[in-house]
Amino acid sequence: MDFYLTAPKWNDKKCPRKDPAAKPIKAKTLSGVTVIKVKNAKYRLAEFDGVFAVVNGSDIKVSKSGKATKKVFCLWHGHSIPTDYPELTLDLENTEVIEGYKGKVVVDIGRVKK
């Protein structure tokens, strides 16, 4: 996912650690990828719906406490995160894994610039 690898790296002045008002703001058409279609997903206090390209296959990690998470190729306020990939917290009842997907996927979560 070149868009993620070539994006600006995390910048503390431009990237809030948490942002409850953040929403999917940019999409890109991809073909032949594995995605998750989510409702009520969460990341850094933001809650949103969308289709996201997943990192490393279709398995969703579920902790002993029942918290479901999946790493995705997605920017946060236009930047890649410093450690790895964003890991969304999922509502399993409202999450669908789709393999070989062709269509628009969310590639950035943030705020629309005015």
N, C-alpha and C. Protein backbone atom coordinates (compact mmCIF):
# COMPACT_ATOMS: atom_id res chain seq x y z
N MET A 1 0.84 -1.18 0.00
CA MET A 1 0.00 0.00 0.00
C MET A 1 0.88 1.24 0.00
N ASP A 2 1.26 1.63 -1.17
CA ASP A 2 2.19 2.75 -1.33
C ASP A 2 1.73 4.03 -0.66
N PHE A 3 0.43 4.31 -0.69
CA PHE A 3 -0.05 5.57 -0.10
C PHE A 3 0.32 5.66 1.37
N TYR A 4 0.34 4.53 2.07
CA TYR A 4 0.69 4.53 3.49
C TYR A 4 2.20 4.68 3.68
N LEU A 5 2.95 3.93 2.89
CA LEU A 5 4.41 3.93 3.05
C LEU A 5 5.05 5.25 2.63
N THR A 6 4.42 5.97 1.70
CA THR A 6 5.00 7.24 1.22
C THR A 6 4.40 8.47 1.91
N ALA A 7 3.46 8.27 2.80
CA ALA A 7 2.82 9.40 3.50
C ALA A 7 3.80 10.03 4.49
N PRO A 8 3.56 11.29 4.85
CA PRO A 8 4.40 11.92 5.88
C PRO A 8 4.33 11.12 7.18
N LYS A 9 5.43 11.05 7.89
CA LYS A 9 5.46 10.36 9.19
C LYS A 9 4.78 11.23 10.25
N TRP A 10 4.38 10.59 11.32
CA TRP A 10 3.71 11.25 12.44
C TRP A 10 4.39 12.56 12.79
N ASN A 11 3.57 13.58 13.04
CA ASN A 11 4.06 14.89 13.42
C ASN A 11 3.23 15.36 14.61
N ASP A 12 3.86 15.49 15.77
CA ASP A 12 3.12 15.84 16.99
C ASP A 12 2.37 17.16 16.88
N LYS A 13 2.83 18.07 16.03
CA LYS A 13 2.16 19.36 15.87
C LYS A 13 0.91 19.25 14.99
N LYS A 14 0.85 18.25 14.12
CA LYS A 14 -0.27 18.11 13.19
C LYS A 14 -1.18 16.93 13.51
N CYS A 15 -0.73 16.00 14.33
CA CYS A 15 -1.48 14.77 14.60
C CYS A 15 -1.89 14.71 16.07
N PRO A 16 -3.16 14.91 16.34
CA PRO A 16 -3.59 14.77 17.74
C PRO A 16 -3.51 13.31 18.18
N ARG A 17 -3.14 13.10 19.41
CA ARG A 17 -3.10 11.72 19.95
C ARG A 17 -4.50 11.10 19.91
N LYS A 18 -5.50 11.91 20.24
CA LYS A 18 -6.89 11.44 20.24
C LYS A 18 -7.75 12.53 19.61
N ASP A 19 -8.81 12.11 18.93
CA ASP A 19 -9.69 13.08 18.28
C ASP A 19 -11.08 12.47 18.10
N PRO A 20 -11.99 12.71 19.06
CA PRO A 20 -13.33 12.12 18.95
C PRO A 20 -14.12 12.63 17.75
N ALA A 21 -13.71 13.75 17.15
CA ALA A 21 -14.43 14.30 16.00
C ALA A 21 -13.88 13.81 14.65
N ALA A 22 -12.83 13.01 14.67
CA ALA A 22 -12.24 12.53 13.41
C ALA A 22 -13.19 11.55 12.71
N LYS A 23 -13.19 11.64 11.38
CA LYS A 23 -14.03 10.79 10.53
C LYS A 23 -13.23 10.40 9.29
N PRO A 24 -13.68 9.38 8.56
CA PRO A 24 -13.03 9.09 7.27
C PRO A 24 -13.16 10.31 6.35
N ILE A 25 -12.01 10.77 5.82
CA ILE A 25 -12.04 11.98 4.99
C ILE A 25 -11.50 11.77 3.59
N LYS A 26 -10.85 10.64 3.35
CA LYS A 26 -10.29 10.40 2.02
C LYS A 26 -10.42 8.93 1.68
N ALA A 27 -10.75 8.64 0.41
CA ALA A 27 -10.88 7.26 -0.06
C ALA A 27 -10.07 7.08 -1.33
N LYS A 28 -9.78 5.84 -1.63
CA LYS A 28 -9.02 5.48 -2.82
C LYS A 28 -9.60 4.19 -3.37
N THR A 29 -9.64 4.05 -4.69
CA THR A 29 -10.13 2.82 -5.30
C THR A 29 -9.00 1.80 -5.36
N LEU A 30 -9.24 0.62 -4.79
CA LEU A 30 -8.27 -0.48 -4.81
C LEU A 30 -8.94 -1.70 -5.44
N SER A 31 -8.12 -2.64 -5.88
CA SER A 31 -8.64 -3.83 -6.54
C SER A 31 -7.91 -5.07 -6.03
N GLY A 32 -8.68 -6.15 -5.77
CA GLY A 32 -8.10 -7.42 -5.38
C GLY A 32 -7.51 -7.45 -3.98
N VAL A 33 -8.05 -6.65 -3.08
CA VAL A 33 -7.52 -6.57 -1.71
C VAL A 33 -8.51 -7.18 -0.71
N THR A 34 -7.98 -7.54 0.44
CA THR A 34 -8.84 -7.99 1.54
C THR A 34 -9.19 -6.76 2.37
N VAL A 35 -10.48 -6.61 2.65
CA VAL A 35 -10.95 -5.45 3.40
C VAL A 35 -11.86 -5.88 4.55
N ILE A 36 -12.08 -4.95 5.46
CA ILE A 36 -13.15 -5.10 6.44
C ILE A 36 -14.12 -3.95 6.22
N LYS A 37 -15.39 -4.29 6.21
CA LYS A 37 -16.46 -3.29 6.14
C LYS A 37 -16.99 -3.18 7.57
N VAL A 38 -16.87 -1.98 8.14
CA VAL A 38 -17.17 -1.82 9.57
C VAL A 38 -18.25 -0.78 9.82
N LYS A 39 -18.94 -0.99 10.92
CA LYS A 39 -19.83 0.01 11.50
C LYS A 39 -19.42 0.12 12.96
N ASN A 40 -19.44 1.33 13.47
CA ASN A 40 -19.12 1.59 14.88
C ASN A 40 -17.69 1.20 15.25
N ALA A 41 -16.76 1.27 14.30
CA ALA A 41 -15.36 1.02 14.62
C ALA A 41 -14.80 2.22 15.38
N LYS A 42 -13.73 1.99 16.14
CA LYS A 42 -13.14 3.07 16.94
C LYS A 42 -11.63 3.09 16.75
N TYR A 43 -11.11 4.33 16.79
CA TYR A 43 -9.66 4.54 16.76
C TYR A 43 -9.37 5.90 17.39
N ARG A 44 -8.56 5.92 18.42
CA ARG A 44 -8.16 7.16 19.11
C ARG A 44 -9.35 8.06 19.46
N LEU A 45 -10.38 7.47 20.03
CA LEU A 45 -11.63 8.08 20.49
C LEU A 45 -12.62 8.42 19.36
N ALA A 46 -12.21 8.29 18.12
CA ALA A 46 -13.13 8.53 16.99
C ALA A 46 -13.95 7.27 16.75
N GLU A 47 -15.20 7.45 16.34
CA GLU A 47 -16.07 6.32 15.98
C GLU A 47 -16.60 6.57 14.57
N PHE A 48 -16.60 5.52 13.72
CA PHE A 48 -16.93 5.72 12.31
C PHE A 48 -17.29 4.41 11.64
N ASP A 49 -17.81 4.53 10.42
CA ASP A 49 -18.12 3.40 9.54
C ASP A 49 -17.22 3.52 8.32
N GLY A 50 -17.01 2.41 7.60
CA GLY A 50 -16.26 2.47 6.36
C GLY A 50 -15.71 1.13 5.93
N VAL A 51 -15.00 1.15 4.80
CA VAL A 51 -14.33 -0.02 4.26
C VAL A 51 -12.83 0.26 4.31
N PHE A 52 -12.06 -0.66 4.90
CA PHE A 52 -10.63 -0.47 5.12
C PHE A 52 -9.84 -1.66 4.60
N ALA A 53 -8.72 -1.39 3.91
CA ALA A 53 -7.81 -2.46 3.50
C ALA A 53 -7.06 -2.94 4.74
N VAL A 54 -7.00 -4.27 4.91
CA VAL A 54 -6.40 -4.84 6.12
C VAL A 54 -4.93 -5.20 5.91
N VAL A 55 -4.22 -5.24 7.02
CA VAL A 55 -2.81 -5.63 7.04
C VAL A 55 -2.75 -7.11 7.42
N ASN A 56 -1.96 -7.89 6.71
CA ASN A 56 -1.67 -9.29 7.06
C ASN A 56 -2.89 -10.21 7.17
N GLY A 57 -3.65 -10.33 6.11
CA GLY A 57 -4.71 -11.33 6.06
C GLY A 57 -6.00 -10.95 6.73
N SER A 58 -6.91 -11.91 6.75
CA SER A 58 -8.28 -11.62 7.18
C SER A 58 -8.58 -11.93 8.64
N ASP A 59 -7.62 -12.48 9.38
CA ASP A 59 -7.88 -12.83 10.77
C ASP A 59 -8.07 -11.58 11.63
N ILE A 60 -9.11 -11.61 12.44
CA ILE A 60 -9.39 -10.53 13.38
C ILE A 60 -8.96 -11.00 14.76
N LYS A 61 -8.17 -10.19 15.45
CA LYS A 61 -7.68 -10.54 16.78
C LYS A 61 -8.77 -10.24 17.81
N VAL A 62 -9.06 -11.24 18.65
CA VAL A 62 -10.03 -11.05 19.73
C VAL A 62 -9.34 -11.41 21.05
N SER A 63 -9.31 -10.44 21.97
CA SER A 63 -8.66 -10.67 23.27
C SER A 63 -9.54 -11.51 24.17
N LYS A 64 -8.97 -11.96 25.28
CA LYS A 64 -9.75 -12.75 26.25
C LYS A 64 -10.94 -11.98 26.78
N SER A 65 -10.82 -10.65 26.82
CA SER A 65 -11.93 -9.82 27.31
C SER A 65 -13.01 -9.60 26.24
N GLY A 66 -12.74 -10.08 25.01
CA GLY A 66 -13.72 -9.96 23.94
C GLY A 66 -13.52 -8.77 23.02
N LYS A 67 -12.45 -8.00 23.24
CA LYS A 67 -12.17 -6.83 22.39
C LYS A 67 -11.59 -7.31 21.06
N ALA A 68 -12.24 -6.90 19.96
CA ALA A 68 -11.81 -7.29 18.62
C ALA A 68 -11.06 -6.15 17.96
N THR A 69 -9.90 -6.46 17.36
CA THR A 69 -9.10 -5.43 16.70
C THR A 69 -8.53 -5.96 15.38
N LYS A 70 -8.22 -5.02 14.49
CA LYS A 70 -7.59 -5.36 13.22
C LYS A 70 -6.76 -4.18 12.75
N LYS A 71 -5.53 -4.46 12.29
CA LYS A 71 -4.67 -3.42 11.73
C LYS A 71 -5.08 -3.15 10.29
N VAL A 72 -5.06 -1.87 9.93
CA VAL A 72 -5.49 -1.45 8.60
C VAL A 72 -4.48 -0.47 7.99
N PHE A 73 -4.52 -0.38 6.66
CA PHE A 73 -3.73 0.61 5.94
C PHE A 73 -4.56 1.90 5.91
N CYS A 74 -4.29 2.82 6.82
CA CYS A 74 -5.05 4.06 6.88
C CYS A 74 -4.23 5.12 7.59
N LEU A 75 -4.27 6.32 7.07
CA LEU A 75 -3.56 7.44 7.67
C LEU A 75 -4.39 8.06 8.79
N TRP A 76 -3.74 8.75 9.69
CA TRP A 76 -4.38 9.49 10.77
C TRP A 76 -4.01 10.95 10.58
N HIS A 77 -4.99 11.77 10.23
CA HIS A 77 -4.76 13.19 9.96
C HIS A 77 -3.65 13.37 8.91
N GLY A 78 -3.69 12.51 7.88
CA GLY A 78 -2.76 12.63 6.76
C GLY A 78 -1.37 12.07 6.99
N HIS A 79 -1.15 11.37 8.10
CA HIS A 79 0.18 10.88 8.46
C HIS A 79 0.13 9.39 8.83
N SER A 80 1.25 8.70 8.57
CA SER A 80 1.37 7.32 9.04
C SER A 80 1.79 7.37 10.51
N ILE A 81 1.36 6.37 11.27
CA ILE A 81 1.70 6.38 12.69
C ILE A 81 3.13 5.86 12.87
N PRO A 82 3.79 6.23 13.96
CA PRO A 82 5.22 5.96 14.08
C PRO A 82 5.60 4.50 14.32
N THR A 83 4.73 3.70 14.87
CA THR A 83 5.14 2.37 15.30
C THR A 83 4.81 1.25 14.32
N ASP A 84 3.65 1.27 13.70
CA ASP A 84 3.22 0.14 12.90
C ASP A 84 2.11 0.60 11.96
N TYR A 85 0.91 0.09 12.18
CA TYR A 85 -0.28 0.47 11.42
C TYR A 85 -1.40 0.76 12.41
N PRO A 86 -2.35 1.60 12.04
CA PRO A 86 -3.49 1.83 12.94
C PRO A 86 -4.23 0.53 13.21
N GLU A 87 -4.64 0.35 14.45
CA GLU A 87 -5.38 -0.85 14.84
C GLU A 87 -6.77 -0.41 15.30
N LEU A 88 -7.77 -0.73 14.48
CA LEU A 88 -9.13 -0.35 14.79
C LEU A 88 -9.72 -1.30 15.82
N THR A 89 -10.54 -0.76 16.72
CA THR A 89 -11.34 -1.58 17.62
C THR A 89 -12.67 -1.79 16.93
N LEU A 90 -13.08 -3.05 16.82
CA LEU A 90 -14.23 -3.40 16.00
C LEU A 90 -15.43 -3.84 16.82
N ASP A 91 -16.60 -3.57 16.28
CA ASP A 91 -17.86 -4.13 16.76
C ASP A 91 -18.08 -5.36 15.89
N LEU A 92 -17.76 -6.55 16.42
CA LEU A 92 -17.79 -7.77 15.60
C LEU A 92 -19.12 -8.04 14.91
N GLU A 93 -20.21 -7.68 15.57
CA GLU A 93 -21.53 -7.91 14.97
C GLU A 93 -21.75 -7.04 13.73
N ASN A 94 -20.97 -5.98 13.60
CA ASN A 94 -21.10 -5.06 12.48
C ASN A 94 -19.82 -4.98 11.64
N THR A 95 -19.10 -6.10 11.57
CA THR A 95 -17.87 -6.16 10.79
C THR A 95 -17.95 -7.32 9.81
N GLU A 96 -17.61 -7.04 8.56
CA GLU A 96 -17.62 -8.06 7.52
C GLU A 96 -16.26 -8.07 6.83
N VAL A 97 -15.66 -9.25 6.69
CA VAL A 97 -14.41 -9.40 5.97
C VAL A 97 -14.75 -9.75 4.52
N ILE A 98 -14.14 -9.04 3.57
CA ILE A 98 -14.38 -9.28 2.14
C ILE A 98 -13.03 -9.48 1.47
N GLU A 99 -12.85 -10.61 0.83
CA GLU A 99 -11.60 -10.88 0.12
C GLU A 99 -11.78 -10.59 -1.36
N GLY A 100 -10.71 -10.18 -2.03
CA GLY A 100 -10.77 -9.88 -3.46
C GLY A 100 -11.64 -8.67 -3.78
N TYR A 101 -11.70 -7.73 -2.87
CA TYR A 101 -12.56 -6.54 -3.01
C TYR A 101 -12.04 -5.59 -4.07
N LYS A 102 -12.96 -5.01 -4.81
CA LYS A 102 -12.62 -3.93 -5.74
C LYS A 102 -13.58 -2.78 -5.47
N GLY A 103 -13.03 -1.64 -5.12
CA GLY A 103 -13.86 -0.47 -4.83
C GLY A 103 -13.14 0.51 -3.95
N LYS A 104 -13.89 1.46 -3.42
CA LYS A 104 -13.31 2.52 -2.60
C LYS A 104 -13.06 2.02 -1.18
N VAL A 105 -11.89 2.40 -0.66
CA VAL A 105 -11.54 2.12 0.73
C VAL A 105 -11.10 3.42 1.40
N VAL A 106 -11.34 3.51 2.69
CA VAL A 106 -10.90 4.68 3.45
C VAL A 106 -9.38 4.63 3.56
N VAL A 107 -8.72 5.75 3.26
CA VAL A 107 -7.26 5.82 3.37
C VAL A 107 -6.79 6.91 4.34
N ASP A 108 -7.74 7.69 4.89
CA ASP A 108 -7.34 8.72 5.85
C ASP A 108 -8.51 9.02 6.79
N ILE A 109 -8.20 9.08 8.07
CA ILE A 109 -9.15 9.49 9.11
C ILE A 109 -8.62 10.80 9.67
N GLY A 110 -9.49 11.79 9.75
CA GLY A 110 -9.06 13.08 10.29
C GLY A 110 -10.23 14.05 10.26
N ARG A 111 -9.91 15.29 9.95
CA ARG A 111 -10.95 16.32 9.85
C ARG A 111 -10.82 17.01 8.50
N VAL A 112 -11.95 17.32 7.91
CA VAL A 112 -11.93 18.05 6.64
C VAL A 112 -11.40 19.44 6.92
N LYS A 113 -10.40 19.86 6.16
CA LYS A 113 -9.83 21.20 6.34
C LYS A 113 -10.76 22.23 5.72
N LYS A 114 -10.98 23.31 6.47
CA LYS A 114 -11.90 24.35 6.02
C LYS A 114 -11.16 25.41 5.25
